[in-house]
């Protein structure tokens, strides 16, 4: 079992990175936020899951162990394969998944490509009691009004970023911004756009 990889990024696409570990290049499928921040030549640590099939060996990698654990729970749900689980984690944070399951709300899952209404309901039902919300990144890091961070997140989603990437970027920017910049949407949005760079739709 390959449980983690640490090495220099050789190549990055919208949903995959290749990491050089001891002269061997490992191709790893990753969530959108990991692919977005991966920089060729820089070191990257991924917590990984090796999926073994009759005709293939596939690696899926995540920035932290909580995402890896949620990935494991998602693929245990009837009808959810590794690619669909990765799609969920590309669009939703761990806390957003936990919030949706706790609220018995399958709408966030239905918005993920490849997840139909029946599968979305199964995710909520089969993950009930297994995941627990601890607060979204925006609520944990933003010292200004949470609704401003939420509005910036919504604006970024409208511009083409996934909800997960948008929420994490808005939270990071809010944590680094001045009180004046956190008070209104426009300056915080400008800072977040500068952090993200060109959108990956």
N, C-alpha and C. Protein backbone atom coordinates (compact mmCIF):
# COMPACT_ATOMS: atom_id res chain seq x y z
N UNK A 1 0.85 -1.20 0.00
CA UNK A 1 0.00 0.00 0.00
C UNK A 1 0.88 1.24 0.00
N UNK A 2 0.62 2.16 -0.91
CA UNK A 2 1.31 3.45 -0.94
C UNK A 2 0.43 4.44 -0.20
N UNK A 3 0.82 4.84 1.01
CA UNK A 3 -0.03 5.69 1.85
C UNK A 3 0.32 7.17 1.76
N UNK A 4 1.50 7.49 1.23
CA UNK A 4 1.86 8.90 1.04
C UNK A 4 3.00 9.00 0.04
N UNK A 5 3.10 10.17 -0.58
CA UNK A 5 4.19 10.47 -1.51
C UNK A 5 4.71 11.86 -1.21
N UNK A 6 6.03 12.01 -1.27
CA UNK A 6 6.64 13.33 -1.06
C UNK A 6 7.77 13.50 -2.06
N UNK A 7 7.61 14.47 -2.94
CA UNK A 7 8.64 14.69 -3.95
C UNK A 7 8.34 15.91 -4.79
N UNK A 8 9.18 16.16 -5.77
CA UNK A 8 9.03 17.33 -6.63
C UNK A 8 7.96 17.09 -7.69
N UNK A 9 7.19 18.11 -7.97
CA UNK A 9 6.16 18.03 -9.00
C UNK A 9 6.82 18.12 -10.38
N UNK A 10 6.58 17.11 -11.21
CA UNK A 10 7.11 17.10 -12.57
C UNK A 10 6.12 17.68 -13.57
N UNK A 11 4.84 17.49 -13.30
CA UNK A 11 3.81 17.92 -14.24
C UNK A 11 2.49 18.06 -13.50
N UNK A 12 1.65 18.97 -13.95
CA UNK A 12 0.35 19.17 -13.31
C UNK A 12 -0.70 19.51 -14.35
N UNK A 13 -1.88 18.89 -14.22
CA UNK A 13 -3.03 19.23 -15.05
C UNK A 13 -4.17 19.62 -14.13
N UNK A 14 -5.38 19.74 -14.66
CA UNK A 14 -6.52 20.18 -13.86
C UNK A 14 -6.92 19.17 -12.80
N UNK A 15 -6.56 17.89 -12.98
CA UNK A 15 -6.99 16.88 -12.02
C UNK A 15 -5.92 15.82 -11.74
N UNK A 16 -4.68 16.12 -12.09
CA UNK A 16 -3.62 15.12 -11.92
C UNK A 16 -2.26 15.79 -11.75
N UNK A 17 -1.40 15.16 -10.93
CA UNK A 17 -0.02 15.61 -10.82
C UNK A 17 0.89 14.40 -10.98
N UNK A 18 2.10 14.66 -11.45
CA UNK A 18 3.14 13.63 -11.49
C UNK A 18 4.24 14.05 -10.54
N UNK A 19 4.54 13.18 -9.57
CA UNK A 19 5.52 13.50 -8.53
C UNK A 19 6.74 12.59 -8.69
N UNK A 20 7.91 13.21 -8.64
CA UNK A 20 9.18 12.47 -8.72
C UNK A 20 9.59 12.05 -7.31
N UNK A 21 9.57 10.76 -7.06
CA UNK A 21 10.00 10.22 -5.77
C UNK A 21 11.15 9.25 -6.02
N UNK A 22 12.35 9.65 -5.66
CA UNK A 22 13.51 8.79 -5.86
C UNK A 22 13.77 8.44 -7.31
N UNK A 23 13.47 9.36 -8.21
CA UNK A 23 13.70 9.10 -9.62
C UNK A 23 12.58 8.39 -10.34
N UNK A 24 11.50 8.07 -9.61
CA UNK A 24 10.33 7.43 -10.20
C UNK A 24 9.18 8.43 -10.22
N UNK A 25 8.55 8.59 -11.38
CA UNK A 25 7.43 9.51 -11.48
C UNK A 25 6.11 8.81 -11.21
N UNK A 26 5.41 9.26 -10.19
CA UNK A 26 4.11 8.69 -9.82
C UNK A 26 3.00 9.62 -10.33
N UNK A 27 2.07 9.07 -11.11
CA UNK A 27 0.92 9.82 -11.58
C UNK A 27 -0.20 9.69 -10.54
N UNK A 28 -0.67 10.82 -10.03
CA UNK A 28 -1.66 10.81 -8.95
C UNK A 28 -2.86 11.68 -9.32
N UNK A 29 -4.05 11.12 -9.24
CA UNK A 29 -5.27 11.90 -9.43
C UNK A 29 -5.53 12.69 -8.16
N UNK A 30 -5.81 13.98 -8.29
CA UNK A 30 -5.95 14.86 -7.12
C UNK A 30 -7.17 15.76 -7.26
N UNK A 31 -7.68 16.30 -6.13
CA UNK A 31 -8.77 17.28 -6.19
C UNK A 31 -8.30 18.55 -6.90
N UNK A 32 -9.25 19.36 -7.33
CA UNK A 32 -8.94 20.56 -8.10
C UNK A 32 -8.04 21.53 -7.35
N UNK A 33 -8.25 21.69 -6.02
CA UNK A 33 -7.44 22.67 -5.28
C UNK A 33 -5.98 22.24 -5.21
N UNK A 34 -5.71 20.94 -5.11
CA UNK A 34 -4.33 20.46 -5.08
C UNK A 34 -3.68 20.70 -6.44
N UNK A 35 -4.41 20.37 -7.51
CA UNK A 35 -3.87 20.57 -8.85
C UNK A 35 -3.61 22.05 -9.12
N UNK A 36 -4.49 22.90 -8.60
CA UNK A 36 -4.36 24.33 -8.84
C UNK A 36 -3.12 24.91 -8.17
N UNK A 37 -2.79 24.41 -6.98
CA UNK A 37 -1.66 24.97 -6.23
C UNK A 37 -0.33 24.24 -6.50
N UNK A 38 -0.39 23.09 -7.16
CA UNK A 38 0.85 22.34 -7.45
C UNK A 38 1.71 23.12 -8.44
N UNK A 39 2.98 23.30 -8.09
CA UNK A 39 3.91 24.05 -8.94
C UNK A 39 5.06 23.15 -9.36
N UNK A 40 5.29 23.10 -10.66
CA UNK A 40 6.36 22.25 -11.19
C UNK A 40 7.69 22.66 -10.56
N UNK A 41 8.42 21.66 -10.07
CA UNK A 41 9.71 21.89 -9.45
C UNK A 41 9.67 22.02 -7.94
N UNK A 42 8.48 22.29 -7.38
CA UNK A 42 8.35 22.42 -5.93
C UNK A 42 7.94 21.09 -5.30
N UNK A 43 8.31 20.93 -4.02
CA UNK A 43 7.97 19.71 -3.29
C UNK A 43 6.49 19.67 -2.95
N UNK A 44 5.95 18.48 -2.95
CA UNK A 44 4.53 18.30 -2.61
C UNK A 44 4.37 17.01 -1.81
N UNK A 45 3.63 17.10 -0.72
CA UNK A 45 3.30 15.92 0.09
C UNK A 45 1.84 15.57 -0.12
N UNK A 46 1.58 14.33 -0.48
CA UNK A 46 0.22 13.87 -0.67
C UNK A 46 -0.05 12.63 0.17
N UNK A 47 -1.22 12.59 0.80
CA UNK A 47 -1.69 11.38 1.47
C UNK A 47 -2.48 10.61 0.41
N UNK A 48 -2.14 9.37 0.20
CA UNK A 48 -2.65 8.67 -0.97
C UNK A 48 -3.45 7.41 -0.66
N UNK A 49 -4.28 7.07 -1.62
CA UNK A 49 -5.04 5.81 -1.59
C UNK A 49 -4.77 5.09 -2.90
N UNK A 50 -4.33 3.84 -2.81
CA UNK A 50 -4.06 3.03 -3.99
C UNK A 50 -5.28 2.16 -4.28
N UNK A 51 -5.90 2.39 -5.43
CA UNK A 51 -7.08 1.63 -5.83
C UNK A 51 -6.66 0.55 -6.81
N UNK A 52 -6.89 -0.70 -6.44
CA UNK A 52 -6.45 -1.84 -7.26
C UNK A 52 -7.65 -2.42 -8.01
N UNK A 53 -7.53 -2.47 -9.31
CA UNK A 53 -8.53 -3.10 -10.15
C UNK A 53 -7.86 -4.21 -10.96
N UNK A 54 -8.65 -5.04 -11.60
CA UNK A 54 -8.10 -6.15 -12.38
C UNK A 54 -7.15 -5.67 -13.47
N UNK A 55 -7.48 -4.51 -14.06
CA UNK A 55 -6.69 -4.03 -15.19
C UNK A 55 -5.92 -2.74 -14.92
N UNK A 56 -5.89 -2.30 -13.65
CA UNK A 56 -5.21 -1.04 -13.38
C UNK A 56 -4.86 -0.87 -11.91
N UNK A 57 -3.85 -0.03 -11.66
CA UNK A 57 -3.50 0.44 -10.32
C UNK A 57 -3.58 1.97 -10.38
N UNK A 58 -4.42 2.58 -9.55
CA UNK A 58 -4.61 4.03 -9.62
C UNK A 58 -4.35 4.66 -8.25
N UNK A 59 -3.59 5.76 -8.27
CA UNK A 59 -3.30 6.50 -7.05
C UNK A 59 -4.15 7.76 -6.98
N UNK A 60 -4.74 8.00 -5.81
CA UNK A 60 -5.50 9.22 -5.56
C UNK A 60 -4.86 9.92 -4.37
N UNK A 61 -4.57 11.21 -4.51
CA UNK A 61 -3.82 11.91 -3.48
C UNK A 61 -4.54 13.14 -2.94
N UNK A 62 -4.28 13.44 -1.65
CA UNK A 62 -4.97 14.54 -0.97
C UNK A 62 -4.00 15.31 -0.09
N UNK A 63 -4.32 16.59 0.13
CA UNK A 63 -3.43 17.46 0.88
C UNK A 63 -3.39 17.11 2.37
N UNK A 64 -4.46 16.57 2.91
CA UNK A 64 -4.46 16.21 4.33
C UNK A 64 -5.22 14.90 4.55
N UNK A 65 -5.04 14.34 5.72
CA UNK A 65 -5.60 13.02 6.00
C UNK A 65 -7.13 13.05 6.14
N UNK A 66 -7.68 14.20 6.52
CA UNK A 66 -9.14 14.26 6.65
C UNK A 66 -9.81 14.06 5.29
N UNK A 67 -9.20 14.61 4.23
CA UNK A 67 -9.75 14.40 2.89
C UNK A 67 -9.60 12.94 2.47
N UNK A 68 -8.46 12.35 2.80
CA UNK A 68 -8.25 10.93 2.49
C UNK A 68 -9.28 10.06 3.18
N UNK A 69 -9.59 10.38 4.44
CA UNK A 69 -10.58 9.60 5.19
C UNK A 69 -11.98 9.75 4.58
N UNK A 70 -12.33 10.98 4.19
CA UNK A 70 -13.63 11.20 3.55
C UNK A 70 -13.70 10.46 2.22
N UNK A 71 -12.59 10.46 1.48
CA UNK A 71 -12.52 9.73 0.22
C UNK A 71 -12.83 8.25 0.45
N UNK A 72 -12.25 7.68 1.50
CA UNK A 72 -12.50 6.28 1.82
C UNK A 72 -13.96 6.02 2.16
N UNK A 73 -14.57 6.97 2.87
CA UNK A 73 -15.99 6.82 3.20
C UNK A 73 -16.86 6.94 1.94
N UNK A 74 -16.51 7.88 1.08
CA UNK A 74 -17.31 8.08 -0.13
C UNK A 74 -17.30 6.86 -1.04
N UNK A 75 -16.14 6.24 -1.22
CA UNK A 75 -16.08 5.09 -2.14
C UNK A 75 -16.72 3.85 -1.52
N UNK A 76 -17.05 3.93 -0.23
CA UNK A 76 -17.77 2.82 0.40
C UNK A 76 -19.27 2.90 0.13
N UNK A 77 -19.71 4.06 -0.39
CA UNK A 77 -21.13 4.26 -0.67
C UNK A 77 -21.48 3.56 -1.99
N UNK A 78 -22.60 2.87 -2.00
CA UNK A 78 -23.05 2.17 -3.20
C UNK A 78 -23.19 3.13 -4.37
N UNK A 79 -22.52 2.81 -5.48
CA UNK A 79 -22.63 3.64 -6.67
C UNK A 79 -21.61 4.75 -6.79
N UNK A 80 -20.74 4.91 -5.78
CA UNK A 80 -19.72 5.96 -5.82
C UNK A 80 -18.35 5.33 -6.06
N UNK A 81 -17.78 5.59 -7.22
CA UNK A 81 -16.44 5.10 -7.52
C UNK A 81 -15.39 6.13 -7.15
N UNK A 82 -14.12 5.78 -7.30
CA UNK A 82 -13.03 6.71 -6.95
C UNK A 82 -13.10 8.04 -7.69
N UNK A 83 -13.44 8.02 -8.98
CA UNK A 83 -13.49 9.26 -9.74
C UNK A 83 -14.63 10.15 -9.27
N UNK A 84 -15.76 9.55 -8.96
CA UNK A 84 -16.89 10.34 -8.44
C UNK A 84 -16.56 10.91 -7.07
N UNK A 85 -15.91 10.12 -6.22
CA UNK A 85 -15.51 10.59 -4.90
C UNK A 85 -14.53 11.75 -5.01
N UNK A 86 -13.61 11.64 -5.97
CA UNK A 86 -12.66 12.73 -6.21
C UNK A 86 -13.39 13.98 -6.68
N UNK A 87 -14.42 13.78 -7.50
CA UNK A 87 -15.22 14.91 -7.96
C UNK A 87 -15.89 15.63 -6.80
N UNK A 88 -16.40 14.87 -5.84
CA UNK A 88 -17.03 15.47 -4.67
C UNK A 88 -16.01 16.32 -3.91
N UNK A 89 -14.80 15.78 -3.72
CA UNK A 89 -13.77 16.49 -2.97
C UNK A 89 -13.14 17.63 -3.77
N UNK A 90 -13.40 17.68 -5.06
CA UNK A 90 -12.95 18.82 -5.87
C UNK A 90 -13.92 20.00 -5.73
N UNK A 91 -15.15 19.70 -5.36
CA UNK A 91 -16.17 20.74 -5.27
C UNK A 91 -16.54 21.13 -3.84
N UNK A 92 -16.32 20.23 -2.90
CA UNK A 92 -16.74 20.50 -1.52
C UNK A 92 -15.59 20.24 -0.55
N UNK A 93 -15.50 21.06 0.48
CA UNK A 93 -14.52 20.81 1.54
C UNK A 93 -15.03 19.69 2.44
N UNK A 94 -14.17 19.19 3.28
CA UNK A 94 -14.56 18.16 4.24
C UNK A 94 -15.70 18.66 5.13
N UNK A 95 -15.61 19.91 5.58
CA UNK A 95 -16.65 20.46 6.45
C UNK A 95 -17.96 20.65 5.70
N UNK A 96 -17.89 21.06 4.44
CA UNK A 96 -19.12 21.21 3.66
C UNK A 96 -19.81 19.86 3.45
N UNK A 97 -19.02 18.82 3.26
CA UNK A 97 -19.58 17.47 3.14
C UNK A 97 -20.25 17.07 4.44
N UNK A 98 -19.56 17.31 5.55
CA UNK A 98 -20.10 16.95 6.86
C UNK A 98 -21.36 17.75 7.18
N UNK A 99 -21.35 19.03 6.84
CA UNK A 99 -22.54 19.87 7.07
C UNK A 99 -23.74 19.34 6.28
N UNK A 100 -23.50 18.99 5.02
CA UNK A 100 -24.59 18.51 4.17
C UNK A 100 -25.15 17.19 4.69
N UNK A 101 -24.26 16.29 5.10
CA UNK A 101 -24.71 15.00 5.62
C UNK A 101 -25.48 15.20 6.92
N UNK A 102 -24.97 16.06 7.81
CA UNK A 102 -25.63 16.31 9.09
C UNK A 102 -27.01 16.93 8.89
N UNK A 103 -27.12 17.81 7.89
CA UNK A 103 -28.39 18.48 7.61
C UNK A 103 -29.31 17.63 6.73
N UNK A 104 -28.83 16.43 6.35
CA UNK A 104 -29.58 15.55 5.45
C UNK A 104 -29.94 16.26 4.15
N UNK A 105 -28.99 17.03 3.64
CA UNK A 105 -29.18 17.82 2.42
C UNK A 105 -28.33 17.22 1.30
N UNK A 106 -28.99 16.63 0.32
CA UNK A 106 -28.24 16.00 -0.76
C UNK A 106 -27.97 16.93 -1.95
N UNK A 107 -28.48 18.17 -1.87
CA UNK A 107 -28.32 19.12 -2.98
C UNK A 107 -26.86 19.38 -3.36
N UNK A 108 -25.94 19.59 -2.39
CA UNK A 108 -24.54 19.83 -2.77
C UNK A 108 -23.94 18.68 -3.57
N UNK A 109 -24.34 17.46 -3.26
CA UNK A 109 -23.81 16.30 -3.97
C UNK A 109 -24.39 16.18 -5.37
N UNK A 110 -25.66 16.59 -5.53
CA UNK A 110 -26.29 16.52 -6.84
C UNK A 110 -25.66 17.50 -7.82
N UNK A 111 -25.00 18.52 -7.30
CA UNK A 111 -24.34 19.51 -8.17
C UNK A 111 -22.99 19.02 -8.69
N UNK A 112 -22.53 17.89 -8.19
CA UNK A 112 -21.25 17.33 -8.64
C UNK A 112 -21.47 16.48 -9.88
N UNK A 113 -20.68 16.71 -10.92
CA UNK A 113 -20.81 15.95 -12.16
C UNK A 113 -20.63 14.45 -11.89
N UNK A 114 -21.54 13.65 -12.39
CA UNK A 114 -21.46 12.21 -12.22
C UNK A 114 -22.22 11.68 -11.02
N UNK A 115 -22.74 12.57 -10.19
CA UNK A 115 -23.54 12.16 -9.02
C UNK A 115 -25.01 12.45 -9.29
N UNK A 116 -25.81 11.41 -9.46
CA UNK A 116 -27.23 11.59 -9.70
C UNK A 116 -28.02 11.70 -8.41
N UNK A 117 -29.32 12.00 -8.50
CA UNK A 117 -30.16 12.17 -7.31
C UNK A 117 -30.16 10.96 -6.38
N UNK A 118 -30.24 9.75 -6.95
CA UNK A 118 -30.26 8.54 -6.13
C UNK A 118 -28.95 8.37 -5.37
N UNK A 119 -27.84 8.56 -6.08
CA UNK A 119 -26.53 8.40 -5.43
C UNK A 119 -26.32 9.48 -4.38
N UNK A 120 -26.77 10.70 -4.65
CA UNK A 120 -26.64 11.79 -3.68
C UNK A 120 -27.37 11.45 -2.37
N UNK A 121 -28.57 10.87 -2.51
CA UNK A 121 -29.32 10.48 -1.32
C UNK A 121 -28.59 9.36 -0.57
N UNK A 122 -28.00 8.43 -1.31
CA UNK A 122 -27.26 7.33 -0.67
C UNK A 122 -26.05 7.85 0.10
N UNK A 123 -25.38 8.86 -0.45
CA UNK A 123 -24.23 9.45 0.25
C UNK A 123 -24.67 9.99 1.60
N UNK A 124 -25.77 10.74 1.60
CA UNK A 124 -26.27 11.31 2.85
C UNK A 124 -26.66 10.22 3.84
N UNK A 125 -27.34 9.20 3.35
CA UNK A 125 -27.82 8.13 4.22
C UNK A 125 -26.67 7.29 4.78
N UNK A 126 -25.72 6.91 3.91
CA UNK A 126 -24.67 5.98 4.33
C UNK A 126 -23.53 6.66 5.09
N UNK A 127 -23.41 7.99 4.96
CA UNK A 127 -22.38 8.70 5.71
C UNK A 127 -22.90 9.28 7.03
N UNK A 128 -24.21 9.16 7.25
CA UNK A 128 -24.81 9.69 8.48
C UNK A 128 -24.14 9.07 9.70
N UNK A 129 -23.71 9.91 10.62
CA UNK A 129 -23.07 9.44 11.84
C UNK A 129 -21.58 9.16 11.70
N UNK A 130 -21.08 9.20 10.46
CA UNK A 130 -19.66 8.90 10.22
C UNK A 130 -18.82 10.16 10.03
N UNK A 131 -19.47 11.29 9.72
CA UNK A 131 -18.75 12.55 9.54
C UNK A 131 -19.37 13.60 10.44
N UNK A 132 -18.54 14.53 10.93
CA UNK A 132 -19.01 15.54 11.88
C UNK A 132 -18.44 16.90 11.52
N UNK A 133 -19.29 17.91 11.31
CA UNK A 133 -18.80 19.24 10.94
C UNK A 133 -18.05 19.89 12.09
N UNK A 134 -16.96 20.56 11.75
CA UNK A 134 -16.18 21.28 12.77
C UNK A 134 -16.05 22.74 12.41
N UNK A 135 -16.82 23.23 11.43
CA UNK A 135 -16.75 24.62 11.01
C UNK A 135 -16.02 24.78 9.71
N UNK A 136 -16.55 25.60 8.84
CA UNK A 136 -15.92 25.80 7.54
C UNK A 136 -14.65 26.61 7.68
N UNK A 137 -13.71 26.52 6.71
CA UNK A 137 -12.48 27.30 6.77
C UNK A 137 -12.75 28.79 6.92
N UNK A 138 -13.78 29.29 6.25
CA UNK A 138 -14.07 30.72 6.33
C UNK A 138 -14.42 31.11 7.75
N UNK A 139 -15.19 30.27 8.45
CA UNK A 139 -15.58 30.60 9.81
C UNK A 139 -14.43 30.47 10.77
N UNK A 140 -13.50 29.60 10.48
CA UNK A 140 -12.39 29.40 11.39
C UNK A 140 -11.35 30.49 11.29
N UNK A 141 -11.11 31.04 10.08
CA UNK A 141 -9.98 31.93 9.89
C UNK A 141 -10.35 33.39 9.72
N UNK A 142 -11.55 33.67 9.29
CA UNK A 142 -11.88 35.06 9.04
C UNK A 142 -12.24 35.77 10.33
N UNK A 143 -11.56 36.90 10.61
CA UNK A 143 -11.87 37.65 11.81
C UNK A 143 -12.90 38.71 11.53
N UNK A 144 -13.18 38.99 10.25
CA UNK A 144 -14.20 39.94 9.87
C UNK A 144 -15.54 39.24 9.73
N UNK A 145 -16.56 39.96 9.23
CA UNK A 145 -17.89 39.37 9.08
C UNK A 145 -17.85 38.16 8.15
N UNK A 146 -18.45 37.08 8.59
CA UNK A 146 -18.44 35.85 7.80
C UNK A 146 -19.20 36.04 6.49
N UNK A 147 -20.26 36.88 6.51
CA UNK A 147 -21.05 37.02 5.30
C UNK A 147 -20.25 37.66 4.17
N UNK A 148 -19.27 38.50 4.47
CA UNK A 148 -18.42 39.09 3.44
C UNK A 148 -17.59 37.99 2.77
N UNK A 149 -17.03 37.10 3.57
CA UNK A 149 -16.25 35.98 3.04
C UNK A 149 -17.16 35.09 2.19
N UNK A 150 -18.36 34.86 2.65
CA UNK A 150 -19.32 34.04 1.89
C UNK A 150 -19.66 34.69 0.54
N UNK A 151 -19.80 36.02 0.54
CA UNK A 151 -20.12 36.72 -0.70
C UNK A 151 -18.95 36.65 -1.68
N UNK A 152 -17.73 36.76 -1.17
CA UNK A 152 -16.54 36.62 -2.02
C UNK A 152 -16.49 35.21 -2.60
N UNK A 153 -16.77 34.22 -1.77
CA UNK A 153 -16.80 32.84 -2.24
C UNK A 153 -17.81 32.66 -3.35
N UNK A 154 -19.00 33.20 -3.16
CA UNK A 154 -20.05 33.09 -4.18
C UNK A 154 -19.63 33.77 -5.48
N UNK A 155 -18.97 34.91 -5.37
CA UNK A 155 -18.51 35.63 -6.56
C UNK A 155 -17.47 34.81 -7.33
N UNK A 156 -16.58 34.18 -6.60
CA UNK A 156 -15.55 33.36 -7.24
C UNK A 156 -16.15 32.15 -7.93
N UNK A 157 -17.15 31.54 -7.31
CA UNK A 157 -17.84 30.40 -7.94
C UNK A 157 -18.48 30.86 -9.25
N UNK A 158 -19.06 32.06 -9.23
CA UNK A 158 -19.66 32.60 -10.43
C UNK A 158 -18.64 32.88 -11.53
N UNK A 159 -17.38 33.10 -11.13
CA UNK A 159 -16.31 33.37 -12.09
C UNK A 159 -15.64 32.10 -12.61
N UNK A 160 -16.05 30.94 -12.06
CA UNK A 160 -15.55 29.69 -12.63
C UNK A 160 -14.77 28.79 -11.70
N UNK A 161 -14.48 29.23 -10.46
CA UNK A 161 -13.77 28.34 -9.54
C UNK A 161 -14.77 27.42 -8.84
N UNK A 162 -14.29 26.26 -8.41
CA UNK A 162 -15.16 25.35 -7.65
C UNK A 162 -15.44 25.96 -6.28
N UNK A 163 -16.52 25.51 -5.65
CA UNK A 163 -16.89 26.05 -4.34
C UNK A 163 -15.78 25.81 -3.31
N UNK A 164 -15.13 24.66 -3.42
CA UNK A 164 -14.07 24.33 -2.47
C UNK A 164 -12.88 25.27 -2.61
N UNK A 165 -12.38 25.43 -3.84
CA UNK A 165 -11.24 26.31 -4.08
C UNK A 165 -11.58 27.74 -3.67
N UNK A 166 -12.78 28.19 -4.03
CA UNK A 166 -13.21 29.55 -3.72
C UNK A 166 -13.27 29.79 -2.21
N UNK A 167 -13.86 28.85 -1.47
CA UNK A 167 -14.00 29.01 -0.02
C UNK A 167 -12.65 29.05 0.67
N UNK A 168 -11.74 28.17 0.26
CA UNK A 168 -10.44 28.12 0.90
C UNK A 168 -9.61 29.37 0.58
N UNK A 169 -9.70 29.85 -0.66
CA UNK A 169 -8.95 31.05 -1.04
C UNK A 169 -9.50 32.28 -0.33
N UNK A 170 -10.83 32.39 -0.24
CA UNK A 170 -11.44 33.52 0.44
C UNK A 170 -11.08 33.54 1.92
N UNK A 171 -11.06 32.36 2.53
CA UNK A 171 -10.70 32.26 3.95
C UNK A 171 -9.24 32.65 4.18
N UNK A 172 -8.37 32.18 3.29
CA UNK A 172 -6.94 32.50 3.42
C UNK A 172 -6.71 34.01 3.27
N UNK A 173 -7.38 34.60 2.29
CA UNK A 173 -7.22 36.03 2.06
C UNK A 173 -7.76 36.83 3.24
N UNK A 174 -8.91 36.41 3.77
CA UNK A 174 -9.50 37.11 4.90
C UNK A 174 -8.58 37.09 6.11
N UNK A 175 -7.88 35.97 6.29
CA UNK A 175 -6.97 35.84 7.43
C UNK A 175 -5.78 36.78 7.32
N UNK A 176 -5.40 37.10 6.07
CA UNK A 176 -4.22 37.95 5.84
C UNK A 176 -4.58 39.41 5.62
N UNK A 177 -5.86 39.72 5.40
CA UNK A 177 -6.28 41.06 5.04
C UNK A 177 -6.37 41.97 6.27
N UNK A 178 -6.42 43.28 6.01
CA UNK A 178 -6.61 44.25 7.08
C UNK A 178 -8.09 44.28 7.47
N UNK A 179 -8.40 44.91 8.60
CA UNK A 179 -9.80 45.01 9.03
C UNK A 179 -10.63 45.75 7.99
N UNK A 180 -10.04 46.77 7.37
CA UNK A 180 -10.78 47.56 6.37
C UNK A 180 -11.09 46.71 5.15
N UNK A 181 -10.12 45.88 4.74
CA UNK A 181 -10.32 45.04 3.56
C UNK A 181 -11.36 43.96 3.82
N UNK A 182 -11.45 43.49 5.07
CA UNK A 182 -12.43 42.46 5.41
C UNK A 182 -13.84 43.02 5.57
N UNK A 183 -13.95 44.32 5.65
CA UNK A 183 -15.25 44.92 5.95
C UNK A 183 -16.21 44.90 4.77
N UNK A 184 -15.67 44.95 3.55
CA UNK A 184 -16.52 44.98 2.36
C UNK A 184 -16.03 43.96 1.33
N UNK A 185 -16.90 43.64 0.38
CA UNK A 185 -16.63 42.57 -0.57
C UNK A 185 -15.53 42.93 -1.57
N UNK A 186 -15.61 44.14 -2.15
CA UNK A 186 -14.73 44.50 -3.27
C UNK A 186 -13.23 44.34 -2.98
N UNK A 187 -12.71 44.93 -1.89
CA UNK A 187 -11.26 44.78 -1.66
C UNK A 187 -10.84 43.35 -1.35
N UNK A 188 -11.70 42.63 -0.65
CA UNK A 188 -11.37 41.24 -0.33
C UNK A 188 -11.40 40.38 -1.60
N UNK A 189 -12.35 40.66 -2.49
CA UNK A 189 -12.43 39.93 -3.75
C UNK A 189 -11.20 40.20 -4.60
N UNK A 190 -10.74 41.46 -4.65
CA UNK A 190 -9.55 41.79 -5.44
C UNK A 190 -8.33 41.03 -4.93
N UNK A 191 -8.17 41.00 -3.61
CA UNK A 191 -7.02 40.29 -3.03
C UNK A 191 -7.10 38.79 -3.34
N UNK A 192 -8.30 38.24 -3.26
CA UNK A 192 -8.46 36.80 -3.50
C UNK A 192 -8.20 36.46 -4.97
N UNK A 193 -8.65 37.30 -5.87
CA UNK A 193 -8.39 37.09 -7.29
C UNK A 193 -6.89 37.16 -7.58
N UNK A 194 -6.19 38.06 -6.91
CA UNK A 194 -4.75 38.16 -7.09
C UNK A 194 -4.06 36.89 -6.60
N UNK A 195 -4.60 36.30 -5.53
CA UNK A 195 -4.04 35.06 -5.00
C UNK A 195 -4.27 33.88 -5.94
N UNK A 196 -5.45 33.79 -6.50
CA UNK A 196 -5.82 32.65 -7.33
C UNK A 196 -5.23 32.71 -8.73
N UNK A 197 -5.14 33.90 -9.31
CA UNK A 197 -4.67 33.98 -10.69
C UNK A 197 -5.78 33.56 -11.64
N UNK A 198 -5.43 33.18 -12.88
CA UNK A 198 -6.43 32.82 -13.88
C UNK A 198 -7.28 31.64 -13.43
N UNK A 199 -8.56 31.71 -13.73
CA UNK A 199 -9.49 30.63 -13.34
C UNK A 199 -9.24 29.39 -14.15
N UNK A 200 -9.44 28.23 -13.49
CA UNK A 200 -9.43 26.94 -14.19
C UNK A 200 -10.84 26.42 -14.17
N UNK A 201 -11.51 26.56 -15.27
CA UNK A 201 -12.93 26.15 -15.32
C UNK A 201 -13.01 24.67 -15.59
